[in-house]
Amino acid sequence: MDTQSILLVDDDQNVSHLIRLYLEKEGYQVYEASRGDDGIAAFKQHSPSLVLLDIMLPGIDGLDVLREIRKTSKVPVIMLTAKDETFDKVLGLELGADDYITKPFKNKELVARVKAVLRRTRDSEETKEVSDMLQFPKLTVSLQSYEVTFRDKAVEMPPKELELLHYLASHPNIVFTREQLLQRVWGFDFYGDSRTVDVHVKRLREKLTDCEQYGWEIHTVWRVGYKFEIKR
């Protein structure tokens, strides 16, 4: 198996040094950048398997770096931050982060998160051909091309928004709690405010207006969660 590479973007040299030691011990190739703009340049140069991205960076902050990455790539990104604010967590997830870990953290925990995210990415690639394309009246969702069409028109969606729609639509008429969706779509247990799911569902509904007339909708199950409901 080819060595997987990780881009670490963090301006704290002590933290970066320790993370690098742990990751290299696990067999990963590690590239480093200490500024947001340098991180973008390093990403384009090295095409890493995964990005560890601090939020508070000189030059360009981590959220703007994430925005730039998501313009061209679905590579997994784990956000690192000294903050523990719900706003940052929700925003990072909405922008397409795959995981989120707050400093200070144990390096063994970080390595475990890295392995888990890379494993999920690999598993997703292996199963993509089976479940890639979903079609319903006036709606098509493709994970392979990351495209959604509704009423024969392309709909712009961030990666996690599309993945949430795809996951719900892959399990029609099954109710999922917000916590289940966070784990299965974002791929980790989110400790804190689960309103990020509500935000994503709200945006999906805004883009898929009046879909009930075609026999399907994203339905809220009071005090439980959401389901992709198909009228029978």
C-alpha atoms as a PDB file:
ATOM      1  CA  MET A   1       0.000   0.000   0.000  1.00  0.00           C
ATOM      2  CA  ASP A   2       1.266   3.479  -0.862  1.00  0.00           C
ATOM      3  CA  THR A   3       2.260   5.693   2.039  1.00  0.00           C
ATOM      4  CA  GLN A   4      -0.521   8.117   2.879  1.00  0.00           C
ATOM      5  CA  SER A   5       0.433  11.749   3.281  1.00  0.00           C
ATOM      6  CA  ILE A   6      -0.916  14.308   5.730  1.00  0.00           C
ATOM      7  CA  LEU A   7      -0.707  18.078   5.497  1.00  0.00           C
ATOM      8  CA  LEU A   8      -0.455  19.718   8.929  1.00  0.00           C
ATOM      9  CA  VAL A   9      -1.272  23.435   8.982  1.00  0.00           C
ATOM     10  CA  ASP A  10      -0.584  24.901  12.431  1.00  0.00           C
ATOM     11  CA  ASP A  11       1.452  27.890  13.593  1.00  0.00           C
ATOM     12  CA  ASP A  12       2.327  26.355  16.977  1.00  0.00           C
ATOM     13  CA  GLN A  13       5.719  24.773  16.347  1.00  0.00           C
ATOM     14  CA  ASN A  14       5.698  22.724  19.542  1.00  0.00           C
ATOM     15  CA  VAL A  15       2.308  21.199  18.760  1.00  0.00           C
ATOM     16  CA  SER A  16       3.279  20.577  15.134  1.00  0.00           C
ATOM     17  CA  HIS A  17       6.507  18.839  16.144  1.00  0.00           C
ATOM     18  CA  LEU A  18       4.717  16.427  18.484  1.00  0.00           C
ATOM     19  CA  ILE A  19       1.947  15.670  15.992  1.00  0.00           C
ATOM     20  CA  ARG A  20       4.504  15.027  13.278  1.00  0.00           C
ATOM     21  CA  LEU A  21       6.448  12.591  15.471  1.00  0.00           C
ATOM     22  CA  TYR A  22       3.325  10.588  16.265  1.00  0.00           C
ATOM     23  CA  LEU A  23       2.109  10.507  12.658  1.00  0.00           C
ATOM     24  CA  GLU A  24       5.500   9.540  11.228  1.00  0.00           C
ATOM     25  CA  LYS A  25       5.729   6.777  13.818  1.00  0.00           C
ATOM     26  CA  GLU A  26       2.474   5.439  12.360  1.00  0.00           C
ATOM     27  CA  GLY A  27       3.975   5.466   8.872  1.00  0.00           C
ATOM     28  CA  TYR A  28       2.431   8.627   7.441  1.00  0.00           C
ATOM     29  CA  GLN A  29       4.346  11.156   5.364  1.00  0.00           C
ATOM     30  CA  VAL A  30       3.826  14.599   6.884  1.00  0.00           C
ATOM     31  CA  TYR A  31       4.025  18.005   5.208  1.00  0.00           C
ATOM     32  CA  GLU A  32       3.860  21.167   7.301  1.00  0.00           C
ATOM     33  CA  ALA A  33       2.792  24.780   6.908  1.00  0.00           C
ATOM     34  CA  SER A  34       2.509  27.468   9.565  1.00  0.00           C
ATOM     35  CA  ARG A  35       0.394  30.022   7.679  1.00  0.00           C
ATOM     36  CA  GLY A  36      -2.969  29.737   5.998  1.00  0.00           C
ATOM     37  CA  ASP A  37      -1.751  30.914   2.584  1.00  0.00           C
ATOM     38  CA  ASP A  38       1.247  28.576   2.785  1.00  0.00           C
ATOM     39  CA  GLY A  39      -1.165  25.765   3.679  1.00  0.00           C
ATOM     40  CA  ILE A  40      -3.155  26.340   0.484  1.00  0.00           C
ATOM     41  CA  ALA A  41       0.042  26.337  -1.571  1.00  0.00           C
ATOM     42  CA  ALA A  42       1.259  23.133   0.131  1.00  0.00           C
ATOM     43  CA  PHE A  43      -2.106  21.470  -0.472  1.00  0.00           C
ATOM     44  CA  LYS A  44      -1.916  22.205  -4.191  1.00  0.00           C
ATOM     45  CA  GLN A  45       1.689  21.029  -4.348  1.00  0.00           C
ATOM     46  CA  HIS A  46       1.432  17.767  -2.400  1.00  0.00           C
ATOM     47  CA  SER A  47      -2.205  16.599  -2.852  1.00  0.00           C
ATOM     48  CA  PRO A  48      -2.272  15.008   0.624  1.00  0.00           C
ATOM     49  CA  SER A  49      -4.533  12.148   1.714  1.00  0.00           C
ATOM     50  CA  LEU A  50      -5.780  14.200   4.677  1.00  0.00           C
ATOM     51  CA  VAL A  51      -5.419  17.715   6.103  1.00  0.00           C
ATOM     52  CA  LEU A  52      -5.031  18.652   9.775  1.00  0.00           C
ATOM     53  CA  LEU A  53      -6.032  22.298   9.868  1.00  0.00           C
ATOM     54  CA  ASP A  54      -5.838  24.763  12.740  1.00  0.00           C
ATOM     55  CA  ILE A  55      -8.472  27.522  12.755  1.00  0.00           C
ATOM     56  CA  MET A  56      -6.373  30.353  14.201  1.00  0.00           C
ATOM     57  CA  LEU A  57      -3.661  30.942  11.601  1.00  0.00           C
ATOM     58  CA  PRO A  58      -1.684  33.960  10.416  1.00  0.00           C
ATOM     59  CA  GLY A  59      -2.270  35.122   6.868  1.00  0.00           C
ATOM     60  CA  ILE A  60      -5.539  33.331   6.142  1.00  0.00           C
ATOM     61  CA  ASP A  61      -7.532  31.637   8.905  1.00  0.00           C
ATOM     62  CA  GLY A  62      -8.321  27.943   8.843  1.00  0.00           C
ATOM     63  CA  LEU A  63     -11.959  28.335   7.853  1.00  0.00           C
ATOM     64  CA  ASP A  64     -10.951  30.280   4.743  1.00  0.00           C
ATOM     65  CA  VAL A  65      -8.347  27.628   3.971  1.00  0.00           C
ATOM     66  CA  LEU A  66     -11.096  25.006   4.252  1.00  0.00           C
ATOM     67  CA  ARG A  67     -13.281  27.017   1.884  1.00  0.00           C
ATOM     68  CA  GLU A  68     -10.475  27.076  -0.677  1.00  0.00           C
ATOM     69  CA  ILE A  69      -9.858  23.334  -0.350  1.00  0.00           C
ATOM     70  CA  ARG A  70     -13.543  22.541  -0.795  1.00  0.00           C
ATOM     71  CA  LYS A  71     -13.676  24.496  -4.050  1.00  0.00           C
ATOM     72  CA  THR A  72     -11.651  21.773  -5.750  1.00  0.00           C
ATOM     73  CA  SER A  73     -11.348  18.755  -3.449  1.00  0.00           C
ATOM     74  CA  LYS A  74     -13.244  16.395  -1.154  1.00  0.00           C
ATOM     75  CA  VAL A  75     -10.070  15.315   0.670  1.00  0.00           C
ATOM     76  CA  PRO A  76     -10.836  14.688   4.373  1.00  0.00           C
ATOM     77  CA  VAL A  77     -10.092  17.615   6.708  1.00  0.00           C
ATOM     78  CA  ILE A  78      -9.835  17.490  10.506  1.00  0.00           C
ATOM     79  CA  MET A  79     -10.070  20.903  12.178  1.00  0.00           C
ATOM     80  CA  LEU A  80      -7.801  21.720  15.132  1.00  0.00           C
ATOM     81  CA  THR A  81      -8.467  24.637  17.437  1.00  0.00           C
ATOM     82  CA  ALA A  82      -7.812  25.983  20.889  1.00  0.00           C
ATOM     83  CA  LYS A  83     -11.355  27.293  20.926  1.00  0.00           C
ATOM     84  CA  ASP A  84     -14.326  25.333  22.218  1.00  0.00           C
ATOM     85  CA  GLU A  85     -17.121  27.447  20.798  1.00  0.00           C
ATOM     86  CA  THR A  86     -20.223  25.905  19.267  1.00  0.00           C
ATOM     87  CA  PHE A  87     -20.223  28.537  16.511  1.00  0.00           C
ATOM     88  CA  ASP A  88     -16.832  27.434  15.259  1.00  0.00           C
ATOM     89  CA  LYS A  89     -17.767  23.777  15.381  1.00  0.00           C
ATOM     90  CA  VAL A  90     -20.992  24.241  13.482  1.00  0.00           C
ATOM     91  CA  LEU A  91     -19.416  26.528  10.892  1.00  0.00           C
ATOM     92  CA  GLY A  92     -16.504  24.152  10.336  1.00  0.00           C
ATOM     93  CA  LEU A  93     -18.863  21.240   9.775  1.00  0.00           C
ATOM     94  CA  GLU A  94     -21.073  23.263   7.467  1.00  0.00           C
ATOM     95  CA  LEU A  95     -18.064  24.192   5.368  1.00  0.00           C
ATOM     96  CA  GLY A  96     -17.238  20.518   4.897  1.00  0.00           C
ATOM     97  CA  ALA A  97     -14.874  19.491   7.708  1.00  0.00           C
ATOM     98  CA  ASP A  98     -14.876  15.757   8.403  1.00  0.00           C
ATOM     99  CA  ASP A  99     -13.947  15.901  12.064  1.00  0.00           C
ATOM    100  CA  TYR A 100     -13.180  18.421  14.768  1.00  0.00           C
ATOM    101  CA  ILE A 101     -10.859  18.159  17.740  1.00  0.00           C
ATOM    102  CA  THR A 102     -10.250  20.804  20.414  1.00  0.00           C
ATOM    103  CA  LYS A 103      -6.846  21.558  21.928  1.00  0.00           C
ATOM    104  CA  PRO A 104      -5.409  20.372  24.171  1.00  0.00           C
ATOM    105  CA  PHE A 105      -5.825  16.794  22.979  1.00  0.00           C
ATOM    106  CA  LYS A 106      -3.949  13.570  23.468  1.00  0.00           C
ATOM    107  CA  ASN A 107      -1.818  12.717  20.467  1.00  0.00           C
ATOM    108  CA  LYS A 108      -2.995   9.111  20.553  1.00  0.00           C
ATOM    109  CA  GLU A 109      -6.570  10.371  20.232  1.00  0.00           C
ATOM    110  CA  LEU A 110      -5.609  12.496  17.235  1.00  0.00           C
ATOM    111  CA  VAL A 111      -3.905   9.525  15.553  1.00  0.00           C
ATOM    112  CA  ALA A 112      -7.024   7.433  16.169  1.00  0.00           C
ATOM    113  CA  ARG A 113      -9.197  10.150  14.585  1.00  0.00           C
ATOM    114  CA  VAL A 114      -6.878  10.327  11.576  1.00  0.00           C
ATOM    115  CA  LYS A 115      -7.042   6.564  11.071  1.00  0.00           C
ATOM    116  CA  ALA A 116     -10.827   6.558  11.450  1.00  0.00           C
ATOM    117  CA  VAL A 117     -11.379   9.348   8.912  1.00  0.00           C
ATOM    118  CA  LEU A 118      -9.009   7.771   6.379  1.00  0.00           C
ATOM    119  CA  ARG A 119     -10.682   4.389   6.880  1.00  0.00           C
ATOM    120  CA  ARG A 120     -14.136   5.875   6.303  1.00  0.00           C
ATOM    121  CA  THR A 121     -12.887   7.616   3.182  1.00  0.00           C
ATOM    122  CA  ARG A 122     -11.461   4.346   1.857  1.00  0.00           C
ATOM    123  CA  ASP A 123     -14.636   2.427   2.681  1.00  0.00           C
ATOM    124  CA  SER A 124     -16.714   5.114   1.003  1.00  0.00           C
ATOM    125  CA  GLU A 125     -14.625   4.845  -2.163  1.00  0.00           C
ATOM    126  CA  GLU A 126     -15.003   1.063  -2.181  1.00  0.00           C
ATOM    127  CA  THR A 127     -18.802   1.190  -1.901  1.00  0.00           C
ATOM    128  CA  LYS A 128     -19.392   4.249  -4.073  1.00  0.00           C
ATOM    129  CA  GLU A 129     -20.234   2.296  -7.238  1.00  0.00           C
ATOM    130  CA  VAL A 130     -22.987   0.391  -5.446  1.00  0.00           C
ATOM    131  CA  SER A 131     -24.845   3.335  -3.954  1.00  0.00           C
ATOM    132  CA  ASP A 132     -23.624   6.286  -5.991  1.00  0.00           C
ATOM    133  CA  MET A 133     -26.664   7.284  -8.017  1.00  0.00           C
ATOM    134  CA  LEU A 134     -30.069   7.854  -6.447  1.00  0.00           C
ATOM    135  CA  GLN A 135     -33.058   8.822  -8.546  1.00  0.00           C
ATOM    136  CA  PHE A 136     -36.507   9.961  -7.532  1.00  0.00           C
ATOM    137  CA  PRO A 137     -39.141  11.934  -9.431  1.00  0.00           C
ATOM    138  CA  LYS A 138     -37.451  15.214 -10.484  1.00  0.00           C
ATOM    139  CA  LEU A 139     -34.419  14.468  -8.241  1.00  0.00           C
ATOM    140  CA  THR A 140     -31.033  12.863  -8.936  1.00  0.00           C
ATOM    141  CA  VAL A 141     -28.221  12.638  -6.366  1.00  0.00           C
ATOM    142  CA  SER A 142     -24.759  11.412  -7.371  1.00  0.00           C
ATOM    143  CA  LEU A 143     -21.907  10.846  -4.911  1.00  0.00           C
ATOM    144  CA  GLN A 144     -19.439  10.019  -7.664  1.00  0.00           C
ATOM    145  CA  SER A 145     -19.767  13.386  -9.374  1.00  0.00           C
ATOM    146  CA  TYR A 146     -21.079  15.200  -6.276  1.00  0.00           C
ATOM    147  CA  GLU A 147     -23.978  16.585  -8.294  1.00  0.00           C
ATOM    148  CA  VAL A 148     -27.636  17.102  -7.533  1.00  0.00           C
ATOM    149  CA  THR A 149     -30.270  17.875 -10.127  1.00  0.00           C
ATOM    150  CA  PHE A 150     -33.786  18.974  -9.219  1.00  0.00           C
ATOM    151  CA  ARG A 151     -36.443  19.691 -11.821  1.00  0.00           C
ATOM    152  CA  ASP A 152     -33.779  19.084 -14.490  1.00  0.00           C
ATOM    153  CA  LYS A 153     -31.523  21.828 -13.124  1.00  0.00           C
ATOM    154  CA  ALA A 154     -28.205  21.489 -11.292  1.00  0.00           C
ATOM    155  CA  VAL A 155     -28.342  22.463  -7.610  1.00  0.00           C
ATOM    156  CA  GLU A 156     -25.257  23.857  -5.867  1.00  0.00           C
ATOM    157  CA  MET A 157     -24.557  22.037  -2.592  1.00  0.00           C
ATOM    158  CA  PRO A 158     -21.569  21.866  -0.221  1.00  0.00           C
ATOM    159  CA  PRO A 159     -20.224  18.303   0.225  1.00  0.00           C
ATOM    160  CA  LYS A 160     -21.793  17.597   3.624  1.00  0.00           C
ATOM    161  CA  GLU A 161     -25.163  18.954   2.512  1.00  0.00           C
ATOM    162  CA  LEU A 162     -25.152  16.590  -0.456  1.00  0.00           C
ATOM    163  CA  GLU A 163     -23.938  13.681   1.667  1.00  0.00           C
ATOM    164  CA  LEU A 164     -26.735  14.250   4.182  1.00  0.00           C
ATOM    165  CA  LEU A 165     -29.320  14.248   1.394  1.00  0.00           C
ATOM    166  CA  HIS A 166     -27.791  11.120  -0.106  1.00  0.00           C
ATOM    167  CA  TYR A 167     -27.715   9.302   3.228  1.00  0.00           C
ATOM    168  CA  LEU A 168     -31.343  10.089   4.047  1.00  0.00           C
ATOM    169  CA  ALA A 169     -32.481   9.232   0.514  1.00  0.00           C
ATOM    170  CA  SER A 170     -30.529   5.948   0.654  1.00  0.00           C
ATOM    171  CA  HIS A 171     -32.746   4.894   3.573  1.00  0.00           C
ATOM    172  CA  PRO A 172     -36.247   6.008   2.564  1.00  0.00           C
ATOM    173  CA  ASN A 173     -38.872   6.191   5.322  1.00  0.00           C
ATOM    174  CA  ILE A 174     -36.337   5.396   8.062  1.00  0.00           C
ATOM    175  CA  VAL A 175     -36.122   7.932  10.892  1.00  0.00           C
ATOM    176  CA  PHE A 176     -32.690   9.048  12.108  1.00  0.00           C
ATOM    177  CA  THR A 177     -31.898  11.131  15.167  1.00  0.00           C
ATOM    178  CA  ARG A 178     -29.638  14.140  14.814  1.00  0.00           C
ATOM    179  CA  GLU A 179     -26.912  12.294  16.703  1.00  0.00           C
ATOM    180  CA  GLN A 180     -27.136   9.326  14.322  1.00  0.00           C
ATOM    181  CA  LEU A 181     -26.868  11.620  11.318  1.00  0.00           C
ATOM    182  CA  LEU A 182     -23.852  13.414  12.782  1.00  0.00           C
ATOM    183  CA  GLN A 183     -22.106  10.110  13.304  1.00  0.00           C
ATOM    184  CA  ARG A 184     -23.038   8.508   9.981  1.00  0.00           C
ATOM    185  CA  VAL A 185     -22.690  11.514   7.686  1.00  0.00           C
ATOM    186  CA  TRP A 186     -19.921  13.441   9.458  1.00  0.00           C
ATOM    187  CA  GLY A 187     -18.467  10.206  10.750  1.00  0.00           C
ATOM    188  CA  PHE A 188     -17.824  10.983  14.413  1.00  0.00           C
ATOM    189  CA  ASP A 189     -19.574  11.643  17.669  1.00  0.00           C
ATOM    190  CA  PHE A 190     -20.197  15.373  17.882  1.00  0.00           C
ATOM    191  CA  TYR A 191     -20.065  16.540  21.480  1.00  0.00           C
ATOM    192  CA  GLY A 192     -22.066  19.714  21.703  1.00  0.00           C
ATOM    193  CA  ASP A 193     -24.875  21.430  19.864  1.00  0.00           C
ATOM    194  CA  SER A 194     -26.362  19.160  17.175  1.00  0.00           C
ATOM    195  CA  ARG A 195     -28.106  22.060  15.454  1.00  0.00           C
ATOM    196  CA  THR A 196     -25.738  21.692  12.510  1.00  0.00           C
ATOM    197  CA  VAL A 197     -28.099  18.968  11.237  1.00  0.00           C
ATOM    198  CA  ASP A 198     -31.067  21.338  11.493  1.00  0.00           C
ATOM    199  CA  VAL A 199     -29.113  23.978   9.561  1.00  0.00           C
ATOM    200  CA  HIS A 200     -28.304  21.518   6.776  1.00  0.00           C
ATOM    201  CA  VAL A 201     -31.890  20.258   6.556  1.00  0.00           C
ATOM    202  CA  LYS A 202     -33.172  23.833   6.409  1.00  0.00           C
ATOM    203  CA  ARG A 203     -30.852  24.601   3.510  1.00  0.00           C
ATOM    204  CA  LEU A 204     -31.828  21.411   1.687  1.00  0.00           C
ATOM    205  CA  ARG A 205     -35.493  22.342   1.972  1.00  0.00           C
ATOM    206  CA  GLU A 206     -34.774  25.817   0.644  1.00  0.00           C
ATOM    207  CA  LYS A 207     -33.172  24.263  -2.431  1.00  0.00           C
ATOM    208  CA  LEU A 208     -35.725  21.468  -2.930  1.00  0.00           C
ATOM    209  CA  THR A 209     -38.880  23.575  -2.678  1.00  0.00           C
ATOM    210  CA  ASP A 210     -42.357  22.078  -3.155  1.00  0.00           C
ATOM    211  CA  CYS A 211     -40.878  18.603  -3.543  1.00  0.00           C
ATOM    212  CA  GLU A 212     -43.941  17.055  -1.854  1.00  0.00           C
ATOM    213  CA  GLN A 213     -45.802  17.243  -5.149  1.00  0.00           C
ATOM    214  CA  TYR A 214     -43.377  14.667  -6.559  1.00  0.00           C
ATOM    215  CA  GLY A 215     -44.096  12.148  -3.806  1.00  0.00           C
ATOM    216  CA  TRP A 216     -41.083  12.655  -1.525  1.00  0.00           C
ATOM    217  CA  GLU A 217     -39.789  15.095   1.084  1.00  0.00           C
ATOM    218  CA  ILE A 218     -37.379  15.467   4.009  1.00  0.00           C
ATOM    219  CA  HIS A 219     -39.810  15.039   6.860  1.00  0.00           C
ATOM    220  CA  THR A 220     -39.346  16.141  10.471  1.00  0.00           C
ATOM    221  CA  VAL A 221     -40.377  13.561  13.032  1.00  0.00           C
ATOM    222  CA  TRP A 222     -41.233  15.573  16.119  1.00  0.00           C
ATOM    223  CA  ARG A 223     -38.796  15.082  19.007  1.00  0.00           C
ATOM    224  CA  VAL A 224     -36.948  12.348  17.105  1.00  0.00           C
ATOM    225  CA  GLY A 225     -35.191  13.529  13.965  1.00  0.00           C
ATOM    226  CA  TYR A 226     -35.581  13.350  10.183  1.00  0.00           C
ATOM    227  CA  LYS A 227     -36.433  10.926   7.416  1.00  0.00           C
ATOM    228  CA  PHE A 228     -36.584  10.975   3.638  1.00  0.00           C
ATOM    229  CA  GLU A 229     -40.263  10.181   3.246  1.00  0.00           C
ATOM    230  CA  ILE A 230     -41.661   8.608   0.121  1.00  0.00           C
ATOM    231  CA  LYS A 231     -45.412   8.788  -0.209  1.00  0.00           C
ATOM    232  CA  ARG A 232     -46.862   5.394  -0.969  1.00  0.00           C
END
